[in-house]
Amino acid sequence: MLEAYDAYWQASVAAQRGDPDPQLFSGSTGDALVELELKVARSSQEGGVVREGAPTITAVDVEITGEEALVFSCVDHSTWLMPGAGGTPPGVVPTTLRMEQVDGAWLVMENVESDPSRTC
């Protein structure tokens, strides 16, 4: 399961660095989330802004219920910058991704609101 989780993050980083190729997400991410990720990446790229670096992900915790799982983590955006975008990176953000087991494989399906009791 965590292999798909890691592959999703690697694909997201690559897409937002200027490579919005749907194949990056193959085998790790559900279609709706792939479309959202590519939309964000293409919009940034068209605006002339692509990210540099990569987020640092820590404190990964998994809760599995049947064929669904919630993966909680702390994602540090300070090392994943958008030069020229202005503003301050959000820093460390509690992040929750919902995963589902589909045809025997775990896929990241969506980014969901984190439980407010989870802090980083």
PDB file of N, CA and C in Angstrom:
ATOM      1  N   MET A   1       0.806  -1.187   0.000  1.00  0.00           N
ATOM      2  CA  MET A   1       0.000   0.000   0.000  1.00  0.00           C
ATOM      3  C   MET A   1       0.856   1.262   0.000  1.00  0.00           C
ATOM      4  N   LEU A   2       1.864   1.291   0.855  1.00  0.00           N
ATOM      5  CA  LEU A   2       2.698   2.488   0.920  1.00  0.00           C
ATOM      6  C   LEU A   2       3.535   2.684  -0.340  1.00  0.00           C
ATOM      7  N   GLU A   3       3.722   1.600  -1.111  1.00  0.00           N
ATOM      8  CA  GLU A   3       4.410   1.757  -2.393  1.00  0.00           C
ATOM      9  C   GLU A   3       3.580   2.634  -3.321  1.00  0.00           C
ATOM     10  N   ALA A   4       2.259   2.424  -3.344  1.00  0.00           N
ATOM     11  CA  ALA A   4       1.365   3.239  -4.174  1.00  0.00           C
ATOM     12  C   ALA A   4       1.319   4.676  -3.643  1.00  0.00           C
ATOM     13  N   TYR A   5       1.315   4.819  -2.335  1.00  0.00           N
ATOM     14  CA  TYR A   5       1.321   6.142  -1.706  1.00  0.00           C
ATOM     15  C   TYR A   5       2.581   6.912  -2.120  1.00  0.00           C
ATOM     16  N   ASP A   6       3.732   6.256  -2.014  1.00  0.00           N
ATOM     17  CA  ASP A   6       4.995   6.898  -2.415  1.00  0.00           C
ATOM     18  C   ASP A   6       5.013   7.208  -3.910  1.00  0.00           C
ATOM     19  N   ALA A   7       4.504   6.281  -4.722  1.00  0.00           N
ATOM     20  CA  ALA A   7       4.474   6.491  -6.174  1.00  0.00           C
ATOM     21  C   ALA A   7       3.577   7.675  -6.527  1.00  0.00           C
ATOM     22  N   TYR A   8       2.457   7.821  -5.808  1.00  0.00           N
ATOM     23  CA  TYR A   8       1.580   8.981  -6.034  1.00  0.00           C
ATOM     24  C   TYR A   8       2.357  10.279  -5.795  1.00  0.00           C
ATOM     25  N   TRP A   9       3.073  10.367  -4.673  1.00  0.00           N
ATOM     26  CA  TRP A   9       3.813  11.590  -4.364  1.00  0.00           C
ATOM     27  C   TRP A   9       4.906  11.848  -5.403  1.00  0.00           C
ATOM     28  N   GLN A  10       5.592  10.809  -5.822  1.00  0.00           N
ATOM     29  CA  GLN A  10       6.628  10.974  -6.852  1.00  0.00           C
ATOM     30  C   GLN A  10       6.018  11.496  -8.157  1.00  0.00           C
ATOM     31  N   ALA A  11       4.861  10.966  -8.526  1.00  0.00           N
ATOM     32  CA  ALA A  11       4.185  11.412  -9.744  1.00  0.00           C
ATOM     33  C   ALA A  11       3.709  12.855  -9.608  1.00  0.00           C
ATOM     34  N   SER A  12       3.167  13.198  -8.455  1.00  0.00           N
ATOM     35  CA  SER A  12       2.694  14.563  -8.224  1.00  0.00           C
ATOM     36  C   SER A  12       3.844  15.558  -8.314  1.00  0.00           C
ATOM     37  N   VAL A  13       4.968  15.211  -7.715  1.00  0.00           N
ATOM     38  CA  VAL A  13       6.150  16.079  -7.762  1.00  0.00           C
ATOM     39  C   VAL A  13       6.610  16.247  -9.208  1.00  0.00           C
ATOM     40  N   ALA A  14       6.716  15.150  -9.945  1.00  0.00           N
ATOM     41  CA  ALA A  14       7.165  15.228 -11.340  1.00  0.00           C
ATOM     42  C   ALA A  14       6.208  16.061 -12.185  1.00  0.00           C
ATOM     43  N   ALA A  15       4.911  15.869 -11.995  1.00  0.00           N
ATOM     44  CA  ALA A  15       3.917  16.626 -12.764  1.00  0.00           C
ATOM     45  C   ALA A  15       4.028  18.116 -12.475  1.00  0.00           C
ATOM     46  N   GLN A  16       4.186  18.465 -11.201  1.00  0.00           N
ATOM     47  CA  GLN A  16       4.246  19.875 -10.844  1.00  0.00           C
ATOM     48  C   GLN A  16       5.612  20.502 -11.132  1.00  0.00           C
ATOM     49  N   ARG A  17       6.579  19.669 -11.473  1.00  0.00           N
ATOM     50  CA  ARG A  17       7.876  20.184 -11.929  1.00  0.00           C
ATOM     51  C   ARG A  17       7.870  20.422 -13.435  1.00  0.00           C
ATOM     52  N   GLY A  18       6.722  20.171 -14.091  1.00  0.00           N
ATOM     53  CA  GLY A  18       6.606  20.468 -15.509  1.00  0.00           C
ATOM     54  C   GLY A  18       6.442  19.265 -16.408  1.00  0.00           C
ATOM     55  N   ASP A  19       6.138  18.087 -15.854  1.00  0.00           N
ATOM     56  CA  ASP A  19       5.950  16.883 -16.659  1.00  0.00           C
ATOM     57  C   ASP A  19       4.549  16.316 -16.415  1.00  0.00           C
ATOM     58  N   PRO A  20       3.506  16.985 -16.928  1.00  0.00           N
ATOM     59  CA  PRO A  20       2.138  16.511 -16.672  1.00  0.00           C
ATOM     60  C   PRO A  20       1.744  15.313 -17.548  1.00  0.00           C
ATOM     61  N   ASP A  21       2.414  14.201 -17.336  1.00  0.00           N
ATOM     62  CA  ASP A  21       2.173  12.972 -18.092  1.00  0.00           C
ATOM     63  C   ASP A  21       1.297  12.045 -17.246  1.00  0.00           C
ATOM     64  N   PRO A  22       0.099  11.692 -17.736  1.00  0.00           N
ATOM     65  CA  PRO A  22      -0.782  10.826 -16.948  1.00  0.00           C
ATOM     66  C   PRO A  22      -0.158   9.474 -16.599  1.00  0.00           C
ATOM     67  N   GLN A  23       0.784   8.993 -17.401  1.00  0.00           N
ATOM     68  CA  GLN A  23       1.418   7.701 -17.134  1.00  0.00           C
ATOM     69  C   GLN A  23       2.212   7.707 -15.826  1.00  0.00           C
ATOM     70  N   LEU A  24       2.611   8.887 -15.374  1.00  0.00           N
ATOM     71  CA  LEU A  24       3.328   8.977 -14.100  1.00  0.00           C
ATOM     72  C   LEU A  24       2.498   8.395 -12.957  1.00  0.00           C
ATOM     73  N   PHE A  25       1.176   8.532 -13.059  1.00  0.00           N
ATOM     74  CA  PHE A  25       0.266   8.120 -11.988  1.00  0.00           C
ATOM     75  C   PHE A  25      -0.253   6.693 -12.156  1.00  0.00           C
ATOM     76  N   SER A  26       0.130   6.034 -13.242  1.00  0.00           N
ATOM     77  CA  SER A  26      -0.368   4.704 -13.549  1.00  0.00           C
ATOM     78  C   SER A  26      -0.047   3.717 -12.435  1.00  0.00           C
ATOM     79  N   GLY A  27      -1.076   3.030 -11.981  1.00  0.00           N
ATOM     80  CA  GLY A  27      -0.890   2.004 -10.961  1.00  0.00           C
ATOM     81  C   GLY A  27      -0.838   2.506  -9.537  1.00  0.00           C
ATOM     82  N   SER A  28      -0.949   3.835  -9.341  1.00  0.00           N
ATOM     83  CA  SER A  28      -0.904   4.351  -7.969  1.00  0.00           C
ATOM     84  C   SER A  28      -2.069   5.259  -7.615  1.00  0.00           C
ATOM     85  N   THR A  29      -2.775   5.761  -8.634  1.00  0.00           N
ATOM     86  CA  THR A  29      -3.732   6.831  -8.395  1.00  0.00           C
ATOM     87  C   THR A  29      -5.020   6.611  -9.182  1.00  0.00           C
ATOM     88  N   GLY A  30      -6.160   6.895  -8.547  1.00  0.00           N
ATOM     89  CA  GLY A  30      -7.454   6.798  -9.216  1.00  0.00           C
ATOM     90  C   GLY A  30      -7.620   7.896 -10.253  1.00  0.00           C
ATOM     91  N   ASP A  31      -8.446   7.628 -11.252  1.00  0.00           N
ATOM     92  CA  ASP A  31      -8.613   8.526 -12.398  1.00  0.00           C
ATOM     93  C   ASP A  31      -8.999   9.953 -12.020  1.00  0.00           C
ATOM     94  N   ALA A  32      -9.943  10.130 -11.099  1.00  0.00           N
ATOM     95  CA  ALA A  32     -10.395  11.480 -10.746  1.00  0.00           C
ATOM     96  C   ALA A  32      -9.253  12.301 -10.157  1.00  0.00           C
ATOM     97  N   LEU A  33      -8.434  11.696  -9.325  1.00  0.00           N
ATOM     98  CA  LEU A  33      -7.311  12.421  -8.728  1.00  0.00           C
ATOM     99  C   LEU A  33      -6.229  12.698  -9.768  1.00  0.00           C
ATOM    100  N   VAL A  34      -6.021  11.781 -10.701  1.00  0.00           N
ATOM    101  CA  VAL A  34      -5.058  12.013 -11.784  1.00  0.00           C
ATOM    102  C   VAL A  34      -5.474  13.257 -12.557  1.00  0.00           C
ATOM    103  N   GLU A  35      -6.757  13.343 -12.913  1.00  0.00           N
ATOM    104  CA  GLU A  35      -7.243  14.503 -13.664  1.00  0.00           C
ATOM    105  C   GLU A  35      -7.036  15.795 -12.888  1.00  0.00           C
ATOM    106  N   LEU A  36      -7.315  15.779 -11.602  1.00  0.00           N
ATOM    107  CA  LEU A  36      -7.119  16.976 -10.775  1.00  0.00           C
ATOM    108  C   LEU A  36      -5.644  17.358 -10.718  1.00  0.00           C
ATOM    109  N   GLU A  37      -4.780  16.384 -10.483  1.00  0.00           N
ATOM    110  CA  GLU A  37      -3.335  16.645 -10.410  1.00  0.00           C
ATOM    111  C   GLU A  37      -2.819  17.229 -11.724  1.00  0.00           C
ATOM    112  N   LEU A  38      -3.262  16.668 -12.848  1.00  0.00           N
ATOM    113  CA  LEU A  38      -2.799  17.144 -14.147  1.00  0.00           C
ATOM    114  C   LEU A  38      -3.345  18.534 -14.456  1.00  0.00           C
ATOM    115  N   LYS A  39      -4.570  18.799 -14.037  1.00  0.00           N
ATOM    116  CA  LYS A  39      -5.155  20.136 -14.237  1.00  0.00           C
ATOM    117  C   LYS A  39      -4.328  21.192 -13.504  1.00  0.00           C
ATOM    118  N   VAL A  40      -3.975  20.911 -12.263  1.00  0.00           N
ATOM    119  CA  VAL A  40      -3.152  21.839 -11.474  1.00  0.00           C
ATOM    120  C   VAL A  40      -1.790  22.018 -12.119  1.00  0.00           C
ATOM    121  N   ALA A  41      -1.171  20.915 -12.515  1.00  0.00           N
ATOM    122  CA  ALA A  41       0.169  20.972 -13.113  1.00  0.00           C
ATOM    123  C   ALA A  41       0.157  21.750 -14.429  1.00  0.00           C
ATOM    124  N   ARG A  42      -0.838  21.484 -15.270  1.00  0.00           N
ATOM    125  CA  ARG A  42      -0.915  22.180 -16.565  1.00  0.00           C
ATOM    126  C   ARG A  42      -1.195  23.662 -16.378  1.00  0.00           C
ATOM    127  N   SER A  43      -2.075  23.992 -15.450  1.00  0.00           N
ATOM    128  CA  SER A  43      -2.396  25.392 -15.181  1.00  0.00           C
ATOM    129  C   SER A  43      -1.157  26.156 -14.729  1.00  0.00           C
ATOM    130  N   SER A  44      -0.402  25.561 -13.829  1.00  0.00           N
ATOM    131  CA  SER A  44       0.836  26.193 -13.354  1.00  0.00           C
ATOM    132  C   SER A  44       1.829  26.343 -14.496  1.00  0.00           C
ATOM    133  N   GLN A  45       1.966  25.288 -15.288  1.00  0.00           N
ATOM    134  CA  GLN A  45       2.916  25.300 -16.394  1.00  0.00           C
ATOM    135  C   GLN A  45       2.530  26.370 -17.415  1.00  0.00           C
ATOM    136  N   GLU A  46       1.242  26.478 -17.729  1.00  0.00           N
ATOM    137  CA  GLU A  46       0.774  27.493 -18.676  1.00  0.00           C
ATOM    138  C   GLU A  46       1.017  28.899 -18.138  1.00  0.00           C
ATOM    139  N   GLY A  47       0.974  29.043 -16.829  1.00  0.00           N
ATOM    140  CA  GLY A  47       1.243  30.325 -16.193  1.00  0.00           C
ATOM    141  C   GLY A  47       2.729  30.599 -16.026  1.00  0.00           C
ATOM    142  N   GLY A  48       3.551  29.665 -16.494  1.00  0.00           N
ATOM    143  CA  GLY A  48       4.992  29.840 -16.408  1.00  0.00           C
ATOM    144  C   GLY A  48       5.573  29.577 -15.035  1.00  0.00           C
ATOM    145  N   VAL A  49       4.808  28.875 -14.196  1.00  0.00           N
ATOM    146  CA  VAL A  49       5.266  28.591 -12.838  1.00  0.00           C
ATOM    147  C   VAL A  49       5.289  27.083 -12.632  1.00  0.00           C
ATOM    148  N   VAL A  50       6.457  26.534 -12.354  1.00  0.00           N
ATOM    149  CA  VAL A  50       6.568  25.123 -11.997  1.00  0.00           C
ATOM    150  C   VAL A  50       7.334  25.017 -10.685  1.00  0.00           C
ATOM    151  N   ARG A  51       7.035  23.979  -9.961  1.00  0.00           N
ATOM    152  CA  ARG A  51       7.683  23.793  -8.664  1.00  0.00           C
ATOM    153  C   ARG A  51       9.120  23.318  -8.820  1.00  0.00           C
ATOM    154  N   GLU A  52       9.909  23.608  -7.812  1.00  0.00           N
ATOM    155  CA  GLU A  52      11.271  23.085  -7.703  1.00  0.00           C
ATOM    156  C   GLU A  52      11.369  22.357  -6.374  1.00  0.00           C
ATOM    157  N   GLY A  53      12.241  21.362  -6.326  1.00  0.00           N
ATOM    158  CA  GLY A  53      12.418  20.588  -5.105  1.00  0.00           C
ATOM    159  C   GLY A  53      11.333  19.544  -4.961  1.00  0.00           C
ATOM    160  N   ALA A  54      11.102  19.126  -3.732  1.00  0.00           N
ATOM    161  CA  ALA A  54      10.082  18.121  -3.434  1.00  0.00           C
ATOM    162  C   ALA A  54       9.652  18.304  -1.982  1.00  0.00           C
ATOM    163  N   PRO A  55       8.422  17.899  -1.663  1.00  0.00           N
ATOM    164  CA  PRO A  55       8.001  17.995  -0.272  1.00  0.00           C
ATOM    165  C   PRO A  55       8.721  16.950   0.577  1.00  0.00           C
ATOM    166  N   THR A  56       8.826  17.234   1.854  1.00  0.00           N
ATOM    167  CA  THR A  56       9.347  16.262   2.808  1.00  0.00           C
ATOM    168  C   THR A  56       8.151  15.696   3.550  1.00  0.00           C
ATOM    169  N   ILE A  57       8.016  14.372   3.519  1.00  0.00           N
ATOM    170  CA  ILE A  57       6.851  13.722   4.114  1.00  0.00           C
ATOM    171  C   ILE A  57       7.296  12.914   5.318  1.00  0.00           C
ATOM    172  N   THR A  58       6.669  13.206   6.464  1.00  0.00           N
ATOM    173  CA  THR A  58       7.017  12.516   7.705  1.00  0.00           C
ATOM    174  C   THR A  58       5.742  12.095   8.434  1.00  0.00           C
ATOM    175  N   ALA A  59       5.932  11.369   9.515  1.00  0.00           N
ATOM    176  CA  ALA A  59       4.847  10.956  10.418  1.00  0.00           C
ATOM    177  C   ALA A  59       3.706  10.261   9.684  1.00  0.00           C
ATOM    178  N   VAL A  60       4.045   9.333   8.795  1.00  0.00           N
ATOM    179  CA  VAL A  60       3.025   8.606   8.038  1.00  0.00           C
ATOM    180  C   VAL A  60       2.333   7.604   8.962  1.00  0.00           C
ATOM    181  N   ASP A  61       1.003   7.643   8.953  1.00  0.00           N
ATOM    182  CA  ASP A  61       0.187   6.762   9.792  1.00  0.00           C
ATOM    183  C   ASP A  61      -0.972   6.259   8.939  1.00  0.00           C
ATOM    184  N   VAL A  62      -1.242   4.963   8.979  1.00  0.00           N
ATOM    185  CA  VAL A  62      -2.256   4.354   8.129  1.00  0.00           C
ATOM    186  C   VAL A  62      -3.366   3.761   8.980  1.00  0.00           C
ATOM    187  N   GLU A  63      -4.614   4.024   8.564  1.00  0.00           N
ATOM    188  CA  GLU A  63      -5.789   3.393   9.179  1.00  0.00           C
ATOM    189  C   GLU A  63      -6.521   2.652   8.065  1.00  0.00           C
ATOM    190  N   ILE A  64      -6.595   1.324   8.179  1.00  0.00           N
ATOM    191  CA  ILE A  64      -7.251   0.510   7.156  1.00  0.00           C
ATOM    192  C   ILE A  64      -8.593   0.025   7.687  1.00  0.00           C
ATOM    193  N   THR A  65      -9.621   0.183   6.853  1.00  0.00           N
ATOM    194  CA  THR A  65     -10.948  -0.341   7.149  1.00  0.00           C
ATOM    195  C   THR A  65     -11.419  -1.081   5.898  1.00  0.00           C
ATOM    196  N   GLY A  66     -11.295  -2.399   5.926  1.00  0.00           N
ATOM    197  CA  GLY A  66     -11.686  -3.192   4.766  1.00  0.00           C
ATOM    198  C   GLY A  66     -10.820  -2.874   3.559  1.00  0.00           C
ATOM    199  N   GLU A  67     -11.476  -2.427   2.489  1.00  0.00           N
ATOM    200  CA  GLU A  67     -10.763  -2.120   1.252  1.00  0.00           C
ATOM    201  C   GLU A  67     -10.489  -0.626   1.106  1.00  0.00           C
ATOM    202  N   GLU A  68     -10.621   0.119   2.192  1.00  0.00           N
ATOM    203  CA  GLU A  68     -10.300   1.543   2.188  1.00  0.00           C
ATOM    204  C   GLU A  68      -9.275   1.839   3.268  1.00  0.00           C
ATOM    205  N   ALA A  69      -8.520   2.882   3.048  1.00  0.00           N
ATOM    206  CA  ALA A  69      -7.522   3.292   4.031  1.00  0.00           C
ATOM    207  C   ALA A  69      -7.393   4.807   4.005  1.00  0.00           C
ATOM    208  N   LEU A  70      -7.065   5.368   5.150  1.00  0.00           N
ATOM    209  CA  LEU A  70      -6.696   6.768   5.254  1.00  0.00           C
ATOM    210  C   LEU A  70      -5.223   6.801   5.626  1.00  0.00           C
ATOM    211  N   VAL A  71      -4.461   7.595   4.880  1.00  0.00           N
ATOM    212  CA  VAL A  71      -3.037   7.732   5.154  1.00  0.00           C
ATOM    213  C   VAL A  71      -2.799   9.178   5.581  1.00  0.00           C
ATOM    214  N   PHE A  72      -2.426   9.338   6.842  1.00  0.00           N
ATOM    215  CA  PHE A  72      -2.152  10.649   7.421  1.00  0.00           C
ATOM    216  C   PHE A  72      -0.647  10.886   7.363  1.00  0.00           C
ATOM    217  N   SER A  73      -0.252  12.124   7.085  1.00  0.00           N
ATOM    218  CA  SER A  73       1.170  12.458   7.110  1.00  0.00           C
ATOM    219  C   SER A  73       1.340  13.951   7.314  1.00  0.00           C
ATOM    220  N   CYS A  74       2.567  14.334   7.603  1.00  0.00           N
ATOM    221  CA  CYS A  74       2.939  15.739   7.701  1.00  0.00           C
ATOM    222  C   CYS A  74       3.758  16.046   6.457  1.00  0.00           C
ATOM    223  N   VAL A  75       3.281  16.982   5.656  1.00  0.00           N
ATOM    224  CA  VAL A  75       3.932  17.320   4.393  1.00  0.00           C
ATOM    225  C   VAL A  75       4.525  18.723   4.514  1.00  0.00           C
ATOM    226  N   ASP A  76       5.846  18.771   4.421  1.00  0.00           N
ATOM    227  CA  ASP A  76       6.572  20.041   4.523  1.00  0.00           C
ATOM    228  C   ASP A  76       6.761  20.615   3.117  1.00  0.00           C
ATOM    229  N   HIS A  77       6.051  21.694   2.842  1.00  0.00           N
ATOM    230  CA  HIS A  77       6.091  22.339   1.533  1.00  0.00           C
ATOM    231  C   HIS A  77       7.245  23.325   1.396  1.00  0.00           C
ATOM    232  N   SER A  78       7.992  23.561   2.467  1.00  0.00           N
ATOM    233  CA  SER A  78       9.061  24.569   2.414  1.00  0.00           C
ATOM    234  C   SER A  78      10.207  24.152   1.494  1.00  0.00           C
ATOM    235  N   THR A  79      10.266  22.877   1.146  1.00  0.00           N
ATOM    236  CA  THR A  79      11.311  22.385   0.232  1.00  0.00           C
ATOM    237  C   THR A  79      10.745  22.100  -1.163  1.00  0.00           C
ATOM    238  N   TRP A  80       9.516  22.534  -1.399  1.00  0.00           N
ATOM    239  CA  TRP A  80       8.812  22.297  -2.664  1.00  0.00           C
ATOM    240  C   TRP A  80       8.269  23.630  -3.129  1.00  0.00           C
ATOM    241  N   LEU A  81       9.117  24.410  -3.733  1.00  0.00           N
ATOM    242  CA  LEU A  81       8.847  25.815  -3.984  1.00  0.00           C
ATOM    243  C   LEU A  81       8.313  26.088  -5.378  1.00  0.00           C
ATOM    244  N   MET A  82       7.580  27.197  -5.499  1.00  0.00           N
ATOM    245  CA  MET A  82       7.085  27.689  -6.783  1.00  0.00           C
ATOM    246  C   MET A  82       7.708  29.053  -7.028  1.00  0.00           C
ATOM    247  N   PRO A  83       8.933  29.084  -7.562  1.00  0.00           N
ATOM    248  CA  PRO A  83       9.584  30.364  -7.805  1.00  0.00           C
ATOM    249  C   PRO A  83       8.723  31.264  -8.688  1.00  0.00           C
ATOM    250  N   GLY A  84       8.649  32.514  -8.314  1.00  0.00           N
ATOM    251  CA  GLY A  84       7.875  33.479  -9.076  1.00  0.00           C
ATOM    252  C   GLY A  84       6.409  33.508  -8.733  1.00  0.00           C
ATOM    253  N   ALA A  85       5.948  32.588  -7.885  1.00  0.00           N
ATOM    254  CA  ALA A  85       4.531  32.553  -7.544  1.00  0.00           C
ATOM    255  C   ALA A  85       4.181  33.568  -6.465  1.00  0.00           C
ATOM    256  N   GLY A  86       5.178  34.047  -5.740  1.00  0.00           N
ATOM    257  CA  GLY A  86       4.906  34.995  -4.662  1.00  0.00           C
ATOM    258  C   GLY A  86       4.340  34.304  -3.446  1.00  0.00           C
ATOM    259  N   GLY A  87       4.276  35.028  -2.376  1.00  0.00           N
ATOM    260  CA  GLY A  87       3.740  34.479  -1.141  1.00  0.00           C
ATOM    261  C   GLY A  87       4.724  33.579  -0.431  1.00  0.00           C
ATOM    262  N   THR A  88       4.275  33.053   0.677  1.00  0.00           N
ATOM    263  CA  THR A  88       5.096  32.188   1.512  1.00  0.00           C
ATOM    264  C   THR A  88       4.582  30.759   1.409  1.00  0.00           C
ATOM    265  N   PRO A  89       5.475  29.783   1.234  1.00  0.00           N
ATOM    266  CA  PRO A  89       5.015  28.388   1.219  1.00  0.00           C
ATOM    267  C   PRO A  89       4.285  28.067   2.521  1.00  0.00           C
ATOM    268  N   PRO A  90       3.318  27.146   2.461  1.00  0.00           N
ATOM    269  CA  PRO A  90       2.523  26.861   3.655  1.00  0.00           C
ATOM    270  C   PRO A  90       3.266  26.172   4.789  1.00  0.00           C
ATOM    271  N   GLY A  91       4.489  25.724   4.576  1.00  0.00           N
ATOM    272  CA  GLY A  91       5.224  25.024   5.637  1.00  0.00           C
ATOM    273  C   GLY A  91       4.734  23.598   5.774  1.00  0.00           C
ATOM    274  N   VAL A  92       4.679  23.113   7.017  1.00  0.00           N
ATOM    275  CA  VAL A  92       4.276  21.728   7.279  1.00  0.00           C
ATOM    276  C   VAL A  92       2.754  21.676   7.439  1.00  0.00           C
ATOM    277  N   VAL A  93       2.128  20.812   6.645  1.00  0.00           N
ATOM    278  CA  VAL A  93       0.670  20.725   6.614  1.00  0.00           C
ATOM    279  C   VAL A  93       0.233  19.283   6.887  1.00  0.00           C
ATOM    280  N   PRO A  94      -0.683  19.089   7.854  1.00  0.00           N
ATOM    281  CA  PRO A  94      -1.237  17.746   8.027  1.00  0.00           C
ATOM    282  C   PRO A  94      -2.032  17.386   6.775  1.00  0.00           C
ATOM    283  N   THR A  95      -1.766  16.208   6.225  1.00  0.00           N
ATOM    284  CA  THR A  95      -2.375  15.804   4.953  1.00  0.00           C
ATOM    285  C   THR A  95      -2.948  14.406   5.095  1.00  0.00           C
ATOM    286  N   THR A  96      -4.145  14.216   4.533  1.00  0.00           N
ATOM    287  CA  THR A  96      -4.788  12.905   4.561  1.00  0.00           C
ATOM    288  C   THR A  96      -5.179  12.516   3.148  1.00  0.00           C
ATOM    289  N   LEU A  97      -4.729  11.348   2.735  1.00  0.00           N
ATOM    290  CA  LEU A  97      -5.110  10.801   1.440  1.00  0.00           C
ATOM    291  C   LEU A  97      -5.949   9.547   1.673  1.00  0.00           C
ATOM    292  N   ARG A  98      -7.051   9.448   0.923  1.00  0.00           N
ATOM    293  CA  ARG A  98      -7.896   8.252   0.996  1.00  0.00           C
ATOM    294  C   ARG A  98      -7.465   7.303  -0.107  1.00  0.00           C
ATOM    295  N   MET A  99      -7.279   6.049   0.269  1.00  0.00           N
ATOM    296  CA  MET A  99      -6.884   5.018  -0.687  1.00  0.00           C
ATOM    297  C   MET A  99      -7.960   3.936  -0.721  1.00  0.00           C
ATOM    298  N   GLU A 100      -8.057   3.272  -1.862  1.00  0.00           N
ATOM    299  CA  GLU A 100      -8.972   2.145  -2.020  1.00  0.00           C
ATOM    300  C   GLU A 100      -8.226   0.988  -2.663  1.00  0.00           C
ATOM    301  N   GLN A 101      -8.663  -0.194  -2.300  1.00  0.00           N
ATOM    302  CA  GLN A 101      -8.123  -1.381  -2.955  1.00  0.00           C
ATOM    303  C   GLN A 101      -9.031  -1.677  -4.155  1.00  0.00           C
ATOM    304  N   VAL A 102      -8.458  -1.629  -5.356  1.00  0.00           N
ATOM    305  CA  VAL A 102      -9.201  -1.849  -6.593  1.00  0.00           C
ATOM    306  C   VAL A 102      -8.528  -2.988  -7.352  1.00  0.00           C
ATOM    307  N   ASP A 103      -9.283  -4.035  -7.598  1.00  0.00           N
ATOM    308  CA  ASP A 103      -8.738  -5.206  -8.299  1.00  0.00           C
ATOM    309  C   ASP A 103      -7.434  -5.678  -7.666  1.00  0.00           C
ATOM    310  N   GLY A 104      -7.389  -5.679  -6.343  1.00  0.00           N
ATOM    311  CA  GLY A 104      -6.231  -6.185  -5.615  1.00  0.00           C
ATOM    312  C   GLY A 104      -5.079  -5.204  -5.443  1.00  0.00           C
ATOM    313  N   ALA A 105      -5.203  -4.004  -6.001  1.00  0.00           N
ATOM    314  CA  ALA A 105      -4.130  -3.005  -5.891  1.00  0.00           C
ATOM    315  C   ALA A 105      -4.641  -1.776  -5.133  1.00  0.00           C
ATOM    316  N   TRP A 106      -3.783  -1.204  -4.304  1.00  0.00           N
ATOM    317  CA  TRP A 106      -4.133   0.017  -3.591  1.00  0.00           C
ATOM    318  C   TRP A 106      -3.890   1.222  -4.486  1.00  0.00           C
ATOM    319  N   LEU A 107      -4.876   2.131  -4.532  1.00  0.00           N
ATOM    320  CA  LEU A 107      -4.776   3.363  -5.310  1.00  0.00           C
ATOM    321  C   LEU A 107      -5.117   4.562  -4.423  1.00  0.00           C
ATOM    322  N   VAL A 108      -4.391   5.648  -4.594  1.00  0.00           N
ATOM    323  CA  VAL A 108      -4.729   6.898  -3.925  1.00  0.00           C
ATOM    324  C   VAL A 108      -5.908   7.488  -4.682  1.00  0.00           C
ATOM    325  N   MET A 109      -7.003   7.764  -3.984  1.00  0.00           N
ATOM    326  CA  MET A 109      -8.228   8.212  -4.643  1.00  0.00           C
ATOM    327  C   MET A 109      -8.506   9.703  -4.475  1.00  0.00           C
ATOM    328  N   GLU A 110      -8.190  10.242  -3.301  1.00  0.00           N
ATOM    329  CA  GLU A 110      -8.472  11.654  -3.083  1.00  0.00           C
ATOM    330  C   GLU A 110      -7.745  12.186  -1.860  1.00  0.00           C
ATOM    331  N   ASN A 111      -7.582  13.486  -1.874  1.00  0.00           N
ATOM    332  CA  ASN A 111      -7.050  14.215  -0.728  1.00  0.00           C
ATOM    333  C   ASN A 111      -8.268  14.642   0.075  1.00  0.00           C
ATOM    334  N   VAL A 112      -8.336  14.250   1.327  1.00  0.00           N
ATOM    335  CA  VAL A 112      -9.500  14.578   2.159  1.00  0.00           C
ATOM    336  C   VAL A 112      -9.076  15.480   3.313  1.00  0.00           C
ATOM    337  N   GLU A 113     -10.045  16.128   3.888  1.00  0.00           N
ATOM    338  CA  GLU A 113      -9.760  17.020   5.017  1.00  0.00           C
ATOM    339  C   GLU A 113      -9.210  16.195   6.180  1.00  0.00           C
ATOM    340  N   SER A 114      -8.135  16.688   6.752  1.00  0.00           N
ATOM    341  CA  SER A 114      -7.502  15.980   7.872  1.00  0.00           C
ATOM    342  C   SER A 114      -8.299  16.179   9.147  1.00  0.00           C
ATOM    343  N   ASP A 115      -8.276  15.174   9.977  1.00  0.00           N
ATOM    344  CA  ASP A 115      -8.882  15.251  11.305  1.00  0.00           C
ATOM    345  C   ASP A 115      -8.194  16.394  12.050  1.00  0.00           C
ATOM    346  N   PRO A 116      -8.958  17.349  12.584  1.00  0.00           N
ATOM    347  CA  PRO A 116      -8.343  18.500  13.258  1.00  0.00           C
ATOM    348  C   PRO A 116      -7.471  18.122  14.465  1.00  0.00           C
ATOM    349  N   SER A 117      -7.668  16.915  15.007  1.00  0.00           N
ATOM    350  CA  SER A 117      -6.845  16.516  16.152  1.00  0.00           C
ATOM    351  C   SER A 117      -5.442  16.080  15.711  1.00  0.00           C
ATOM    352  N   ARG A 118      -5.264  15.871  14.416  1.00  0.00           N
ATOM    353  CA  ARG A 118      -3.946  15.480  13.888  1.00  0.00           C
ATOM    354  C   ARG A 118      -3.153  16.753  13.582  1.00  0.00           C
ATOM    355  N   THR A 119      -2.053  16.893  14.242  1.00  0.00           N
ATOM    356  CA  THR A 119      -1.208  18.063  14.026  1.00  0.00           C
ATOM    357  C   THR A 119       0.202  17.607  13.684  1.00  0.00           C
ATOM    358  N   CYS A 120       0.950  18.532  13.138  1.00  0.00           N
ATOM    359  CA  CYS A 120       2.328  18.225  12.764  1.00  0.00           C
ATOM    360  C   CYS A 120       3.276  19.077  13.580  1.00  0.00           C
TER     361      CYS A 120
END
